């Protein structure tokens, strides 16, 4: 596989589908008002009536090479509503300050950007969303570390342990002296007196 093919290959990290019928909804998309203060952070309570979302559909997290995308699509047709290109430490995805189930996504298009709110109705879906993003970059860091270690191993000089001409290797075996030294030395025989006055012998710790 060429590098170009590898860059074009898409891996689906997470899918959260739109629910239909009597099943509870999984997530909603909301309009996000401008922040009154940059130091305050986003609050889901400022988004108005959360029962009236801007959009509902399917969410997919896609990995493509080193890149990661959050795609919001129509659950039936697959038509794209919005895509968030996720990068670590770029504030592409921010948690709100008043809930663990709501996030703010930064959507960029042709040099312009906008913010939309993402709210999960189930806390487990919010957890899966967070973990999928974190695991992608943990995997990338591990791949980079492995590649660096492999590169360092290839470039490191090899150590030659072979004996040079005229060199000898002397081995000393502990406890050995003369012929038969390889035989195991038994401990000294001990003798104890039995209750009937007789004597018996044993080898301790054998």
C-alpha atoms as a PDB file:
ATOM      1  CA  UNK A   1       0.000   0.000   0.000  1.00  0.00           C
ATOM      2  CA  UNK A   2       1.410   3.399  -0.957  1.00  0.00           C
ATOM      3  CA  UNK A   3       1.546   6.415   1.320  1.00  0.00           C
ATOM      4  CA  UNK A   4      -1.205   8.049  -0.705  1.00  0.00           C
ATOM      5  CA  UNK A   5      -3.434   4.991  -0.303  1.00  0.00           C
ATOM      6  CA  UNK A   6      -2.761   5.020   3.442  1.00  0.00           C
ATOM      7  CA  UNK A   7      -3.733   8.698   3.667  1.00  0.00           C
ATOM      8  CA  UNK A   8      -6.987   8.004   1.805  1.00  0.00           C
ATOM      9  CA  UNK A   9      -7.911   5.029   3.978  1.00  0.00           C
ATOM     10  CA  UNK A  10     -10.718   5.821   6.419  1.00  0.00           C
ATOM     11  CA  UNK A  11     -11.224   4.075   9.737  1.00  0.00           C
ATOM     12  CA  UNK A  12     -14.504   4.504  11.622  1.00  0.00           C
ATOM     13  CA  UNK A  13     -13.776   5.048  15.322  1.00  0.00           C
ATOM     14  CA  UNK A  14     -17.328   5.623  16.537  1.00  0.00           C
ATOM     15  CA  UNK A  15     -20.881   5.707  15.205  1.00  0.00           C
ATOM     16  CA  UNK A  16     -23.800   7.138  17.183  1.00  0.00           C
ATOM     17  CA  UNK A  17     -26.938   6.665  15.166  1.00  0.00           C
ATOM     18  CA  UNK A  18     -30.123   8.647  15.120  1.00  0.00           C
ATOM     19  CA  UNK A  19     -32.916   6.801  16.930  1.00  0.00           C
ATOM     20  CA  UNK A  20     -36.424   6.505  15.518  1.00  0.00           C
ATOM     21  CA  UNK A  21     -39.884   5.612  16.727  1.00  0.00           C
ATOM     22  CA  UNK A  22     -40.345   5.344  20.459  1.00  0.00           C
ATOM     23  CA  UNK A  23     -36.607   4.988  21.142  1.00  0.00           C
ATOM     24  CA  UNK A  24     -34.940   7.881  22.987  1.00  0.00           C
ATOM     25  CA  UNK A  25     -32.832  10.286  20.957  1.00  0.00           C
ATOM     26  CA  UNK A  26     -29.049   9.914  21.221  1.00  0.00           C
ATOM     27  CA  UNK A  27     -27.878  13.497  20.674  1.00  0.00           C
ATOM     28  CA  UNK A  28     -28.932  16.933  19.459  1.00  0.00           C
ATOM     29  CA  UNK A  29     -27.218  19.854  17.727  1.00  0.00           C
ATOM     30  CA  UNK A  30     -27.798  23.401  18.988  1.00  0.00           C
ATOM     31  CA  UNK A  31     -27.085  26.993  18.056  1.00  0.00           C
ATOM     32  CA  UNK A  32     -24.414  28.438  20.326  1.00  0.00           C
ATOM     33  CA  UNK A  33     -24.638  32.146  21.239  1.00  0.00           C
ATOM     34  CA  UNK A  34     -21.438  34.232  21.350  1.00  0.00           C
ATOM     35  CA  UNK A  35     -19.519  34.127  24.602  1.00  0.00           C
ATOM     36  CA  UNK A  36     -20.054  37.211  26.751  1.00  0.00           C
ATOM     37  CA  UNK A  37     -16.549  36.716  28.112  1.00  0.00           C
ATOM     38  CA  UNK A  38     -13.683  34.627  26.738  1.00  0.00           C
ATOM     39  CA  UNK A  39     -12.681  33.612  30.256  1.00  0.00           C
ATOM     40  CA  UNK A  40     -16.131  32.362  31.179  1.00  0.00           C
ATOM     41  CA  UNK A  41     -16.434  29.324  28.902  1.00  0.00           C
ATOM     42  CA  UNK A  42     -19.516  27.882  27.222  1.00  0.00           C
ATOM     43  CA  UNK A  43     -22.581  26.866  29.255  1.00  0.00           C
ATOM     44  CA  UNK A  44     -25.346  24.621  27.930  1.00  0.00           C
ATOM     45  CA  UNK A  45     -27.808  26.586  30.047  1.00  0.00           C
ATOM     46  CA  UNK A  46     -27.250  29.558  27.719  1.00  0.00           C
ATOM     47  CA  UNK A  47     -28.444  27.666  24.651  1.00  0.00           C
ATOM     48  CA  UNK A  48     -32.132  28.178  25.318  1.00  0.00           C
ATOM     49  CA  UNK A  49     -34.671  25.361  25.212  1.00  0.00           C
ATOM     50  CA  UNK A  50     -32.657  22.134  24.786  1.00  0.00           C
ATOM     51  CA  UNK A  51     -35.862  20.351  23.765  1.00  0.00           C
ATOM     52  CA  UNK A  52     -35.816  22.346  20.512  1.00  0.00           C
ATOM     53  CA  UNK A  53     -32.512  21.498  18.828  1.00  0.00           C
ATOM     54  CA  UNK A  54     -31.163  22.898  15.576  1.00  0.00           C
ATOM     55  CA  UNK A  55     -30.635  19.455  14.001  1.00  0.00           C
ATOM     56  CA  UNK A  56     -30.720  15.712  14.668  1.00  0.00           C
ATOM     57  CA  UNK A  57     -29.009  12.911  12.784  1.00  0.00           C
ATOM     58  CA  UNK A  58     -26.044  10.537  12.887  1.00  0.00           C
ATOM     59  CA  UNK A  59     -22.577  11.172  14.286  1.00  0.00           C
ATOM     60  CA  UNK A  60     -19.451   9.425  13.021  1.00  0.00           C
ATOM     61  CA  UNK A  61     -15.839   9.880  14.099  1.00  0.00           C
ATOM     62  CA  UNK A  62     -13.499   9.071  11.210  1.00  0.00           C
ATOM     63  CA  UNK A  63      -9.717   8.646  11.268  1.00  0.00           C
ATOM     64  CA  UNK A  64      -7.864   9.256   8.004  1.00  0.00           C
ATOM     65  CA  UNK A  65      -4.109   8.957   8.326  1.00  0.00           C
ATOM     66  CA  UNK A  66      -3.095  11.272  11.170  1.00  0.00           C
ATOM     67  CA  UNK A  67      -6.291  13.291  10.880  1.00  0.00           C
ATOM     68  CA  UNK A  68      -9.564  12.896  12.737  1.00  0.00           C
ATOM     69  CA  UNK A  69     -13.002  14.161  11.698  1.00  0.00           C
ATOM     70  CA  UNK A  70     -16.356  14.403  13.473  1.00  0.00           C
ATOM     71  CA  UNK A  71     -19.031  14.087  10.798  1.00  0.00           C
ATOM     72  CA  UNK A  72     -22.672  14.977  11.344  1.00  0.00           C
ATOM     73  CA  UNK A  73     -24.782  13.283   8.687  1.00  0.00           C
ATOM     74  CA  UNK A  74     -28.384  12.589   7.824  1.00  0.00           C
ATOM     75  CA  UNK A  75     -29.231   9.232   9.375  1.00  0.00           C
ATOM     76  CA  UNK A  76     -31.045   7.960   6.254  1.00  0.00           C
ATOM     77  CA  UNK A  77     -29.359   9.569   3.259  1.00  0.00           C
ATOM     78  CA  UNK A  78     -25.851  10.166   4.641  1.00  0.00           C
ATOM     79  CA  UNK A  79     -26.000  13.805   3.501  1.00  0.00           C
ATOM     80  CA  UNK A  80     -23.407  15.876   5.340  1.00  0.00           C
ATOM     81  CA  UNK A  81     -24.692  18.507   7.735  1.00  0.00           C
ATOM     82  CA  UNK A  82     -21.343  19.610   9.176  1.00  0.00           C
ATOM     83  CA  UNK A  83     -17.832  18.310   9.787  1.00  0.00           C
ATOM     84  CA  UNK A  84     -15.408  19.185  12.570  1.00  0.00           C
ATOM     85  CA  UNK A  85     -11.727  18.583  11.870  1.00  0.00           C
ATOM     86  CA  UNK A  86     -10.408  17.558  15.272  1.00  0.00           C
ATOM     87  CA  UNK A  87      -6.879  18.360  16.397  1.00  0.00           C
ATOM     88  CA  UNK A  88      -5.476  18.114  19.896  1.00  0.00           C
ATOM     89  CA  UNK A  89      -4.887  21.370  21.765  1.00  0.00           C
ATOM     90  CA  UNK A  90      -6.661  23.401  19.074  1.00  0.00           C
ATOM     91  CA  UNK A  91      -9.980  23.943  20.919  1.00  0.00           C
ATOM     92  CA  UNK A  92     -11.850  22.157  18.136  1.00  0.00           C
ATOM     93  CA  UNK A  93     -13.978  20.391  20.741  1.00  0.00           C
ATOM     94  CA  UNK A  94     -14.654  22.024  24.103  1.00  0.00           C
ATOM     95  CA  UNK A  95     -16.592  20.740  27.078  1.00  0.00           C
ATOM     96  CA  UNK A  96     -19.143  23.110  28.547  1.00  0.00           C
ATOM     97  CA  UNK A  97     -18.674  24.247  32.115  1.00  0.00           C
ATOM     98  CA  UNK A  98     -22.053  23.115  33.474  1.00  0.00           C
ATOM     99  CA  UNK A  99     -22.466  19.552  32.138  1.00  0.00           C
ATOM    100  CA  UNK A 100     -20.462  16.473  31.136  1.00  0.00           C
ATOM    101  CA  UNK A 101     -22.906  15.636  28.319  1.00  0.00           C
ATOM    102  CA  UNK A 102     -22.581  18.816  26.246  1.00  0.00           C
ATOM    103  CA  UNK A 103     -19.776  20.010  23.977  1.00  0.00           C
ATOM    104  CA  UNK A 104     -19.026  22.831  21.554  1.00  0.00           C
ATOM    105  CA  UNK A 105     -17.668  21.949  18.095  1.00  0.00           C
ATOM    106  CA  UNK A 106     -15.739  24.384  15.934  1.00  0.00           C
ATOM    107  CA  UNK A 107     -16.840  24.107  12.302  1.00  0.00           C
ATOM    108  CA  UNK A 108     -14.534  25.619   9.663  1.00  0.00           C
ATOM    109  CA  UNK A 109     -15.335  26.210   6.010  1.00  0.00           C
ATOM    110  CA  UNK A 110     -13.258  28.180   3.499  1.00  0.00           C
ATOM    111  CA  UNK A 111     -11.491  30.258   6.124  1.00  0.00           C
ATOM    112  CA  UNK A 112     -14.621  30.976   8.128  1.00  0.00           C
ATOM    113  CA  UNK A 113     -15.682  29.245  11.322  1.00  0.00           C
ATOM    114  CA  UNK A 114     -18.750  28.816  13.492  1.00  0.00           C
ATOM    115  CA  UNK A 115     -19.568  27.082  16.763  1.00  0.00           C
ATOM    116  CA  UNK A 116     -22.372  24.584  17.287  1.00  0.00           C
ATOM    117  CA  UNK A 117     -23.468  22.755  20.407  1.00  0.00           C
ATOM    118  CA  UNK A 118     -23.498  18.966  20.719  1.00  0.00           C
ATOM    119  CA  UNK A 119     -25.588  17.432  23.492  1.00  0.00           C
ATOM    120  CA  UNK A 120     -25.848  13.737  24.349  1.00  0.00           C
ATOM    121  CA  UNK A 121     -28.943  12.545  26.146  1.00  0.00           C
ATOM    122  CA  UNK A 122     -27.114   9.525  27.577  1.00  0.00           C
ATOM    123  CA  UNK A 123     -23.963  10.049  29.640  1.00  0.00           C
ATOM    124  CA  UNK A 124     -22.464   6.815  28.255  1.00  0.00           C
ATOM    125  CA  UNK A 125     -22.569   8.228  24.704  1.00  0.00           C
ATOM    126  CA  UNK A 126     -20.724  11.345  25.886  1.00  0.00           C
ATOM    127  CA  UNK A 127     -18.123   9.086  27.485  1.00  0.00           C
ATOM    128  CA  UNK A 128     -17.723   7.027  24.278  1.00  0.00           C
ATOM    129  CA  UNK A 129     -17.343  10.251  22.287  1.00  0.00           C
ATOM    130  CA  UNK A 130     -14.533  11.482  24.534  1.00  0.00           C
ATOM    131  CA  UNK A 131     -12.734   8.125  24.621  1.00  0.00           C
ATOM    132  CA  UNK A 132     -12.827   7.680  20.823  1.00  0.00           C
ATOM    133  CA  UNK A 133     -11.086  11.041  20.309  1.00  0.00           C
ATOM    134  CA  UNK A 134      -8.484  10.414  23.024  1.00  0.00           C
ATOM    135  CA  UNK A 135      -7.709   6.863  21.879  1.00  0.00           C
ATOM    136  CA  UNK A 136      -7.007   8.028  18.319  1.00  0.00           C
ATOM    137  CA  UNK A 137      -4.203  10.321  19.451  1.00  0.00           C
ATOM    138  CA  UNK A 138      -2.881   7.828  22.007  1.00  0.00           C
ATOM    139  CA  UNK A 139      -2.537   5.378  19.115  1.00  0.00           C
ATOM    140  CA  UNK A 140      -0.714   7.970  16.997  1.00  0.00           C
ATOM    141  CA  UNK A 141       1.708   8.763  19.835  1.00  0.00           C
ATOM    142  CA  UNK A 142       2.409   5.067  20.364  1.00  0.00           C
ATOM    143  CA  UNK A 143       3.061   4.562  16.644  1.00  0.00           C
ATOM    144  CA  UNK A 144       5.449   7.520  16.632  1.00  0.00           C
ATOM    145  CA  UNK A 145       7.270   6.211  19.713  1.00  0.00           C
ATOM    146  CA  UNK A 146       7.604   2.741  18.180  1.00  0.00           C
ATOM    147  CA  UNK A 147       8.948   4.204  14.932  1.00  0.00           C
ATOM    148  CA  UNK A 148      11.507   6.313  16.810  1.00  0.00           C
ATOM    149  CA  UNK A 149      12.658   3.312  18.846  1.00  0.00           C
ATOM    150  CA  UNK A 150      12.953   1.198  15.719  1.00  0.00           C
ATOM    151  CA  UNK A 151      14.933   3.924  13.974  1.00  0.00           C
ATOM    152  CA  UNK A 152      17.247   4.282  16.971  1.00  0.00           C
ATOM    153  CA  UNK A 153      17.811   0.533  17.016  1.00  0.00           C
ATOM    154  CA  UNK A 154      18.738   0.431  13.340  1.00  0.00           C
ATOM    155  CA  UNK A 155      21.177   3.333  13.626  1.00  0.00           C
ATOM    156  CA  UNK A 156      22.837   2.136  16.863  1.00  0.00           C
ATOM    157  CA  UNK A 157      26.229   0.413  16.286  1.00  0.00           C
ATOM    158  CA  UNK A 158      26.162  -3.340  16.680  1.00  0.00           C
ATOM    159  CA  UNK A 159      28.283  -4.818  19.483  1.00  0.00           C
ATOM    160  CA  UNK A 160      30.625  -7.653  18.405  1.00  0.00           C
ATOM    161  CA  UNK A 161      30.731 -10.357  21.112  1.00  0.00           C
ATOM    162  CA  UNK A 162      32.826 -12.839  19.077  1.00  0.00           C
ATOM    163  CA  UNK A 163      36.281 -13.890  20.350  1.00  0.00           C
ATOM    164  CA  UNK A 164      39.228 -12.399  18.552  1.00  0.00           C
ATOM    165  CA  UNK A 165      42.224 -14.522  17.406  1.00  0.00           C
ATOM    166  CA  UNK A 166      44.219 -15.757  20.414  1.00  0.00           C
ATOM    167  CA  UNK A 167      41.522 -14.877  22.956  1.00  0.00           C
ATOM    168  CA  UNK A 168      40.280 -17.564  25.360  1.00  0.00           C
ATOM    169  CA  UNK A 169      37.289 -17.755  27.645  1.00  0.00           C
ATOM    170  CA  UNK A 170      37.761 -19.116  31.197  1.00  0.00           C
ATOM    171  CA  UNK A 171      34.754 -20.435  33.107  1.00  0.00           C
ATOM    172  CA  UNK A 172      34.788 -21.015  36.863  1.00  0.00           C
ATOM    173  CA  UNK A 173      32.111 -23.222  38.373  1.00  0.00           C
ATOM    174  CA  UNK A 174      31.312 -22.347  41.973  1.00  0.00           C
ATOM    175  CA  UNK A 175      32.082 -25.136  44.483  1.00  0.00           C
ATOM    176  CA  UNK A 176      34.052 -27.171  41.970  1.00  0.00           C
ATOM    177  CA  UNK A 177      37.484 -28.653  42.791  1.00  0.00           C
ATOM    178  CA  UNK A 178      39.133 -31.508  40.939  1.00  0.00           C
ATOM    179  CA  UNK A 179      37.559 -34.615  39.464  1.00  0.00           C
ATOM    180  CA  UNK A 180      33.946 -35.205  40.284  1.00  0.00           C
ATOM    181  CA  UNK A 181      33.446 -31.644  41.337  1.00  0.00           C
ATOM    182  CA  UNK A 182      30.258 -31.543  39.340  1.00  0.00           C
ATOM    183  CA  UNK A 183      28.693 -33.982  41.799  1.00  0.00           C
ATOM    184  CA  UNK A 184      26.292 -32.351  44.201  1.00  0.00           C
ATOM    185  CA  UNK A 185      27.603 -32.207  47.762  1.00  0.00           C
ATOM    186  CA  UNK A 186      25.057 -33.538  50.206  1.00  0.00           C
ATOM    187  CA  UNK A 187      24.742 -31.899  53.623  1.00  0.00           C
ATOM    188  CA  UNK A 188      26.383 -33.606  56.591  1.00  0.00           C
ATOM    189  CA  UNK A 189      24.518 -36.582  57.964  1.00  0.00           C
ATOM    190  CA  UNK A 190      22.804 -35.789  61.240  1.00  0.00           C
ATOM    191  CA  UNK A 191      21.768 -38.271  63.904  1.00  0.00           C
ATOM    192  CA  UNK A 192      18.953 -37.964  66.436  1.00  0.00           C
ATOM    193  CA  UNK A 193      17.988 -40.300  69.258  1.00  0.00           C
ATOM    194  CA  UNK A 194      14.519 -41.806  69.140  1.00  0.00           C
ATOM    195  CA  UNK A 195      12.251 -42.318  72.151  1.00  0.00           C
ATOM    196  CA  UNK A 196      13.144 -46.050  72.384  1.00  0.00           C
ATOM    197  CA  UNK A 197      16.848 -45.285  72.640  1.00  0.00           C
ATOM    198  CA  UNK A 198      17.571 -46.162  69.057  1.00  0.00           C
ATOM    199  CA  UNK A 199      19.241 -43.848  66.609  1.00  0.00           C
ATOM    200  CA  UNK A 200      18.089 -42.719  63.188  1.00  0.00           C
ATOM    201  CA  UNK A 201      19.694 -40.518  60.611  1.00  0.00           C
ATOM    202  CA  UNK A 202      18.269 -37.979  58.146  1.00  0.00           C
ATOM    203  CA  UNK A 203      19.413 -35.367  55.700  1.00  0.00           C
ATOM    204  CA  UNK A 204      17.978 -31.982  56.702  1.00  0.00           C
ATOM    205  CA  UNK A 205      16.306 -29.794  54.035  1.00  0.00           C
ATOM    206  CA  UNK A 206      16.430 -32.569  51.381  1.00  0.00           C
END
